[in-house]
Structure formats: structure tokens, C-alpha cells
Amino acid sequence: MAKIKKGDQVMVISGRDKGKTGRVLEVLKDSDRLIVEGIQRVTKHTKVGQSARGGRTGGIETIEAPIHVSNVMLVDPETKRPTRVGHRIETVERDGRTREVRVRFAKRSGKEL
């Protein structure tokens, strides 16, 4: 589940929005689902009420519903096509000390994500 994170660009690979791309707004780890901008839009009916200033709230609005993580793939930043995600450990030198850092990369192009 750690392969896709908030802010990543993903492409839908199955379902009614197949082929569309969007940015991940939220990751729901407990249910293995994502909320993606502009994907899986549903209409929600909310009860009409009034706010403290007298403005009317409610009605019909369209929102993004969660989509399962298996139905999306990360978009390669170089080729703009769906790709698998890999992890590699790189050594980084900072302030005279070396550290090992785990880095995500696109398997299609090898570019760091």
C-alpha cells in the first residue's frame, strides 16, 4: 500500500473511468482505497439547511468517491504512461555523515519519484 502516496499522479486501469488520470487527494489505508481528483465522481444529496449567516446549504453536489488501489497505477513522470513502482536503497551524504535512504522509482524509465 505504501507504493502510492498522497500527491502522486495516477491513471485508472479498470472501471468506468479507465484511462483517466488524476492526483491522489487522500489515502485510506484501512480499506486499501484512494480518493483521486476528478475520478469516481458520484452525486450526493445533502439535506437543505441554513447556516448561521442565513445562507442556504445542501442540495445535489458531485464528490469523488474512493477507488480501490488495485484499479490505479502510478504515472511515469518521463513517459506519462502507467508504471510499476520499485524501491531501492541509496546512500546520501549530508554534513559529513552517510545515511541509507529508501527511494521510490518508476520501473518503466528508472526515474526517481
N, C-alpha and C. Protein backbone atom coordinates (compact mmCIF):
# COMPACT_ATOMS: atom_id res chain seq x y z
N MET A 1 0.82 -1.20 0.00
CA MET A 1 0.00 0.00 0.00
C MET A 1 0.86 1.26 0.00
N ALA A 2 2.11 1.16 0.44
CA ALA A 2 2.98 2.33 0.51
C ALA A 2 3.51 2.73 -0.87
N LYS A 3 3.08 2.03 -1.92
CA LYS A 3 3.57 2.35 -3.26
C LYS A 3 2.95 3.63 -3.80
N ILE A 4 1.73 3.94 -3.42
CA ILE A 4 1.05 5.15 -3.88
C ILE A 4 0.81 6.04 -2.68
N LYS A 5 1.20 7.30 -2.82
CA LYS A 5 1.08 8.25 -1.71
C LYS A 5 0.27 9.47 -2.13
N LYS A 6 -0.11 10.26 -1.16
CA LYS A 6 -0.85 11.49 -1.40
C LYS A 6 -0.02 12.42 -2.29
N GLY A 7 -0.66 12.97 -3.33
CA GLY A 7 0.03 13.87 -4.24
C GLY A 7 0.56 13.20 -5.49
N ASP A 8 0.56 11.87 -5.55
CA ASP A 8 1.03 11.15 -6.74
C ASP A 8 0.05 11.30 -7.89
N GLN A 9 0.56 11.26 -9.11
CA GLN A 9 -0.26 11.26 -10.31
C GLN A 9 -0.53 9.81 -10.68
N VAL A 10 -1.82 9.42 -10.78
CA VAL A 10 -2.18 8.04 -11.08
C VAL A 10 -3.11 7.97 -12.29
N MET A 11 -3.13 6.79 -12.92
CA MET A 11 -4.03 6.53 -14.05
C MET A 11 -4.92 5.35 -13.68
N VAL A 12 -6.22 5.46 -14.01
CA VAL A 12 -7.17 4.39 -13.75
C VAL A 12 -7.00 3.33 -14.83
N ILE A 13 -6.82 2.06 -14.40
CA ILE A 13 -6.59 0.98 -15.37
C ILE A 13 -7.80 0.09 -15.54
N SER A 14 -8.83 0.24 -14.69
CA SER A 14 -10.06 -0.53 -14.88
C SER A 14 -11.22 0.20 -14.24
N GLY A 15 -12.41 -0.07 -14.74
CA GLY A 15 -13.61 0.58 -14.23
C GLY A 15 -14.15 1.60 -15.21
N ARG A 16 -15.15 2.34 -14.79
CA ARG A 16 -15.82 3.26 -15.72
C ARG A 16 -14.96 4.47 -16.09
N ASP A 17 -13.96 4.80 -15.28
CA ASP A 17 -13.07 5.93 -15.56
C ASP A 17 -11.74 5.48 -16.16
N LYS A 18 -11.71 4.30 -16.79
CA LYS A 18 -10.48 3.74 -17.34
C LYS A 18 -9.82 4.72 -18.31
N GLY A 19 -8.50 4.93 -18.12
CA GLY A 19 -7.73 5.82 -18.98
C GLY A 19 -7.58 7.23 -18.46
N LYS A 20 -8.38 7.62 -17.47
CA LYS A 20 -8.29 8.97 -16.91
C LYS A 20 -7.15 9.05 -15.91
N THR A 21 -6.57 10.24 -15.78
CA THR A 21 -5.52 10.45 -14.80
C THR A 21 -5.96 11.51 -13.81
N GLY A 22 -5.38 11.46 -12.62
CA GLY A 22 -5.69 12.44 -11.58
C GLY A 22 -4.68 12.36 -10.46
N ARG A 23 -4.72 13.36 -9.58
CA ARG A 23 -3.82 13.45 -8.44
C ARG A 23 -4.49 12.86 -7.21
N VAL A 24 -3.75 12.07 -6.43
CA VAL A 24 -4.28 11.44 -5.22
C VAL A 24 -4.49 12.51 -4.15
N LEU A 25 -5.74 12.62 -3.67
CA LEU A 25 -6.07 13.60 -2.64
C LEU A 25 -5.95 13.00 -1.24
N GLU A 26 -6.28 11.71 -1.13
CA GLU A 26 -6.29 11.07 0.18
C GLU A 26 -6.07 9.58 0.03
N VAL A 27 -5.35 8.98 0.98
CA VAL A 27 -5.12 7.54 1.01
C VAL A 27 -5.85 6.97 2.21
N LEU A 28 -6.75 6.02 1.97
CA LEU A 28 -7.49 5.36 3.05
C LEU A 28 -6.87 3.99 3.28
N LYS A 29 -5.91 3.91 4.19
CA LYS A 29 -5.13 2.69 4.39
C LYS A 29 -5.96 1.52 4.89
N ASP A 30 -6.93 1.77 5.76
CA ASP A 30 -7.69 0.67 6.37
C ASP A 30 -8.53 -0.10 5.36
N SER A 31 -8.97 0.56 4.27
CA SER A 31 -9.79 -0.11 3.27
C SER A 31 -9.09 -0.26 1.92
N ASP A 32 -7.78 0.04 1.84
CA ASP A 32 -6.99 -0.06 0.61
C ASP A 32 -7.62 0.73 -0.54
N ARG A 33 -8.06 1.94 -0.26
CA ARG A 33 -8.70 2.78 -1.27
C ARG A 33 -8.06 4.16 -1.32
N LEU A 34 -8.28 4.83 -2.45
CA LEU A 34 -7.74 6.17 -2.68
C LEU A 34 -8.86 7.10 -3.09
N ILE A 35 -8.71 8.37 -2.79
CA ILE A 35 -9.60 9.39 -3.34
C ILE A 35 -8.76 10.18 -4.32
N VAL A 36 -9.17 10.12 -5.61
CA VAL A 36 -8.40 10.73 -6.70
C VAL A 36 -9.20 11.88 -7.29
N GLU A 37 -8.52 12.98 -7.54
CA GLU A 37 -9.14 14.18 -8.06
C GLU A 37 -9.75 13.93 -9.45
N GLY A 38 -11.07 14.15 -9.58
CA GLY A 38 -11.76 14.01 -10.85
C GLY A 38 -12.12 12.60 -11.25
N ILE A 39 -11.86 11.62 -10.39
CA ILE A 39 -12.12 10.21 -10.70
C ILE A 39 -13.21 9.69 -9.76
N GLN A 40 -14.06 8.78 -10.29
CA GLN A 40 -15.10 8.13 -9.49
C GLN A 40 -16.05 9.17 -8.89
N ARG A 41 -16.49 10.14 -9.73
CA ARG A 41 -17.38 11.20 -9.25
C ARG A 41 -18.79 10.65 -9.11
N VAL A 42 -19.40 10.91 -7.96
CA VAL A 42 -20.77 10.48 -7.67
C VAL A 42 -21.58 11.68 -7.19
N THR A 43 -22.90 11.61 -7.40
CA THR A 43 -23.76 12.69 -6.91
C THR A 43 -24.21 12.35 -5.50
N LYS A 44 -24.15 13.35 -4.63
CA LYS A 44 -24.53 13.17 -3.25
C LYS A 44 -25.63 14.17 -2.93
N HIS A 45 -26.70 13.69 -2.34
CA HIS A 45 -27.82 14.55 -1.96
C HIS A 45 -27.67 14.90 -0.48
N THR A 46 -27.56 16.18 -0.19
CA THR A 46 -27.43 16.61 1.20
C THR A 46 -28.67 17.38 1.61
N LYS A 47 -29.04 17.25 2.86
CA LYS A 47 -30.24 17.87 3.39
C LYS A 47 -30.11 19.40 3.36
N VAL A 48 -31.18 20.07 2.96
CA VAL A 48 -31.18 21.53 2.90
C VAL A 48 -31.29 22.08 4.30
N GLY A 49 -30.44 23.06 4.61
CA GLY A 49 -30.46 23.71 5.91
C GLY A 49 -30.02 25.14 5.77
N GLN A 50 -29.83 25.81 6.89
CA GLN A 50 -29.37 27.19 6.86
C GLN A 50 -28.15 27.33 7.75
N SER A 51 -27.20 28.15 7.29
CA SER A 51 -26.02 28.42 8.10
C SER A 51 -26.34 29.55 9.08
N ALA A 52 -25.40 29.89 9.93
CA ALA A 52 -25.61 30.92 10.95
C ALA A 52 -25.86 32.29 10.33
N ARG A 53 -25.30 32.54 9.14
CA ARG A 53 -25.46 33.84 8.49
C ARG A 53 -26.70 33.91 7.62
N GLY A 54 -27.44 32.84 7.52
CA GLY A 54 -28.67 32.86 6.73
C GLY A 54 -28.52 32.27 5.35
N GLY A 55 -27.31 31.81 4.97
CA GLY A 55 -27.10 31.20 3.65
C GLY A 55 -27.66 29.80 3.62
N ARG A 56 -28.18 29.41 2.47
CA ARG A 56 -28.76 28.07 2.34
C ARG A 56 -27.67 27.06 1.98
N THR A 57 -27.72 25.89 2.60
CA THR A 57 -26.78 24.82 2.32
C THR A 57 -27.54 23.60 1.84
N GLY A 58 -26.85 22.66 1.26
CA GLY A 58 -27.47 21.42 0.84
C GLY A 58 -27.81 21.40 -0.62
N GLY A 59 -28.49 20.34 -1.04
CA GLY A 59 -28.84 20.16 -2.44
C GLY A 59 -28.05 19.00 -3.03
N ILE A 60 -27.88 19.03 -4.35
CA ILE A 60 -27.15 17.96 -5.04
C ILE A 60 -25.75 18.45 -5.36
N GLU A 61 -24.76 17.68 -4.96
CA GLU A 61 -23.36 18.02 -5.25
C GLU A 61 -22.63 16.78 -5.73
N THR A 62 -21.59 16.96 -6.54
CA THR A 62 -20.79 15.83 -7.01
C THR A 62 -19.47 15.81 -6.25
N ILE A 63 -19.12 14.63 -5.75
CA ILE A 63 -17.89 14.47 -4.98
C ILE A 63 -17.14 13.26 -5.51
N GLU A 64 -15.85 13.15 -5.14
CA GLU A 64 -15.04 11.99 -5.51
C GLU A 64 -15.26 10.89 -4.49
N ALA A 65 -15.59 9.70 -4.97
CA ALA A 65 -15.75 8.54 -4.10
C ALA A 65 -14.44 7.75 -4.10
N PRO A 66 -14.20 6.95 -3.07
CA PRO A 66 -12.97 6.16 -3.03
C PRO A 66 -12.92 5.11 -4.13
N ILE A 67 -11.73 4.85 -4.65
CA ILE A 67 -11.49 3.83 -5.66
C ILE A 67 -10.42 2.88 -5.12
N HIS A 68 -10.56 1.60 -5.42
CA HIS A 68 -9.62 0.61 -4.87
C HIS A 68 -8.24 0.80 -5.49
N VAL A 69 -7.21 0.59 -4.67
CA VAL A 69 -5.83 0.82 -5.09
C VAL A 69 -5.41 -0.10 -6.23
N SER A 70 -6.06 -1.26 -6.37
CA SER A 70 -5.70 -2.19 -7.44
C SER A 70 -6.19 -1.71 -8.81
N ASN A 71 -7.06 -0.72 -8.84
CA ASN A 71 -7.61 -0.21 -10.10
C ASN A 71 -6.85 0.98 -10.64
N VAL A 72 -5.76 1.37 -9.99
CA VAL A 72 -4.96 2.50 -10.47
C VAL A 72 -3.48 2.11 -10.54
N MET A 73 -2.74 2.82 -11.39
CA MET A 73 -1.28 2.65 -11.48
C MET A 73 -0.65 4.03 -11.47
N LEU A 74 0.52 4.11 -10.92
CA LEU A 74 1.27 5.35 -10.89
C LEU A 74 1.69 5.75 -12.30
N VAL A 75 1.68 7.05 -12.60
CA VAL A 75 2.07 7.55 -13.90
C VAL A 75 3.56 7.88 -13.88
N ASP A 76 4.29 7.36 -14.88
CA ASP A 76 5.71 7.63 -15.02
C ASP A 76 5.91 9.10 -15.37
N PRO A 77 6.71 9.85 -14.62
CA PRO A 77 6.88 11.28 -14.91
C PRO A 77 7.57 11.56 -16.24
N GLU A 78 8.31 10.59 -16.77
CA GLU A 78 9.04 10.80 -18.02
C GLU A 78 8.20 10.45 -19.24
N THR A 79 7.54 9.29 -19.22
CA THR A 79 6.79 8.83 -20.39
C THR A 79 5.30 9.13 -20.32
N LYS A 80 4.80 9.55 -19.16
CA LYS A 80 3.38 9.85 -18.94
C LYS A 80 2.49 8.62 -19.17
N ARG A 81 3.05 7.43 -18.95
CA ARG A 81 2.30 6.19 -19.07
C ARG A 81 2.32 5.46 -17.74
N PRO A 82 1.36 4.54 -17.50
CA PRO A 82 1.34 3.82 -16.22
C PRO A 82 2.59 2.96 -16.03
N THR A 83 3.04 2.88 -14.80
CA THR A 83 4.25 2.12 -14.50
C THR A 83 4.13 1.46 -13.14
N ARG A 84 4.96 0.44 -12.94
CA ARG A 84 5.06 -0.17 -11.63
C ARG A 84 6.06 0.63 -10.80
N VAL A 85 5.98 0.42 -9.48
CA VAL A 85 6.84 1.16 -8.56
C VAL A 85 7.85 0.21 -7.95
N GLY A 86 9.11 0.63 -7.91
CA GLY A 86 10.14 -0.15 -7.26
C GLY A 86 10.78 0.66 -6.14
N HIS A 87 11.52 0.00 -5.29
CA HIS A 87 12.22 0.66 -4.19
C HIS A 87 13.70 0.29 -4.27
N ARG A 88 14.55 1.24 -4.02
CA ARG A 88 15.98 0.96 -3.92
C ARG A 88 16.56 1.78 -2.79
N ILE A 89 17.66 1.30 -2.26
CA ILE A 89 18.32 1.98 -1.15
C ILE A 89 19.53 2.72 -1.69
N GLU A 90 19.56 4.02 -1.46
CA GLU A 90 20.66 4.87 -1.92
C GLU A 90 21.37 5.45 -0.71
N THR A 91 22.68 5.65 -0.86
CA THR A 91 23.44 6.27 0.21
C THR A 91 23.54 7.76 -0.06
N VAL A 92 23.21 8.54 0.97
CA VAL A 92 23.21 10.00 0.85
C VAL A 92 24.20 10.55 1.87
N GLU A 93 25.03 11.47 1.43
CA GLU A 93 26.00 12.08 2.34
C GLU A 93 25.53 13.50 2.67
N ARG A 94 25.37 13.76 3.98
CA ARG A 94 24.93 15.07 4.43
C ARG A 94 25.66 15.43 5.71
N ASP A 95 26.25 16.59 5.73
CA ASP A 95 27.00 17.08 6.90
C ASP A 95 28.11 16.12 7.32
N GLY A 96 28.74 15.49 6.34
CA GLY A 96 29.85 14.60 6.64
C GLY A 96 29.45 13.21 7.07
N ARG A 97 28.14 12.95 7.17
CA ARG A 97 27.66 11.62 7.56
C ARG A 97 26.95 10.96 6.39
N THR A 98 27.10 9.65 6.29
CA THR A 98 26.41 8.91 5.23
C THR A 98 25.21 8.19 5.83
N ARG A 99 24.09 8.23 5.09
CA ARG A 99 22.86 7.56 5.51
C ARG A 99 22.32 6.76 4.35
N GLU A 100 21.60 5.70 4.67
CA GLU A 100 20.92 4.94 3.64
C GLU A 100 19.46 5.37 3.61
N VAL A 101 18.99 5.73 2.41
CA VAL A 101 17.63 6.24 2.24
C VAL A 101 16.90 5.35 1.24
N ARG A 102 15.65 4.99 1.56
CA ARG A 102 14.82 4.19 0.67
C ARG A 102 14.11 5.13 -0.31
N VAL A 103 14.28 4.86 -1.60
CA VAL A 103 13.77 5.76 -2.64
C VAL A 103 12.82 4.99 -3.56
N ARG A 104 11.69 5.61 -3.93
CA ARG A 104 10.77 5.02 -4.90
C ARG A 104 11.21 5.41 -6.31
N PHE A 105 11.07 4.48 -7.27
CA PHE A 105 11.41 4.81 -8.65
C PHE A 105 10.43 4.12 -9.60
N ALA A 106 10.28 4.69 -10.79
CA ALA A 106 9.41 4.13 -11.81
C ALA A 106 10.16 3.02 -12.53
N LYS A 107 9.56 1.84 -12.59
CA LYS A 107 10.24 0.70 -13.22
C LYS A 107 10.33 0.86 -14.73
N ARG A 108 9.42 1.63 -15.34
CA ARG A 108 9.42 1.81 -16.80
C ARG A 108 10.64 2.60 -17.26
N SER A 109 10.94 3.71 -16.56
CA SER A 109 12.04 4.57 -17.00
C SER A 109 13.22 4.57 -16.03
N GLY A 110 13.02 4.11 -14.80
CA GLY A 110 14.07 4.13 -13.80
C GLY A 110 14.22 5.47 -13.11
N LYS A 111 13.33 6.43 -13.43
CA LYS A 111 13.40 7.76 -12.86
C LYS A 111 12.84 7.77 -11.44
N GLU A 112 13.45 8.56 -10.58
CA GLU A 112 13.04 8.67 -9.19
C GLU A 112 11.70 9.39 -9.07
N LEU A 113 10.88 8.91 -8.14
CA LEU A 113 9.56 9.53 -7.94
C LEU A 113 9.56 10.46 -6.75
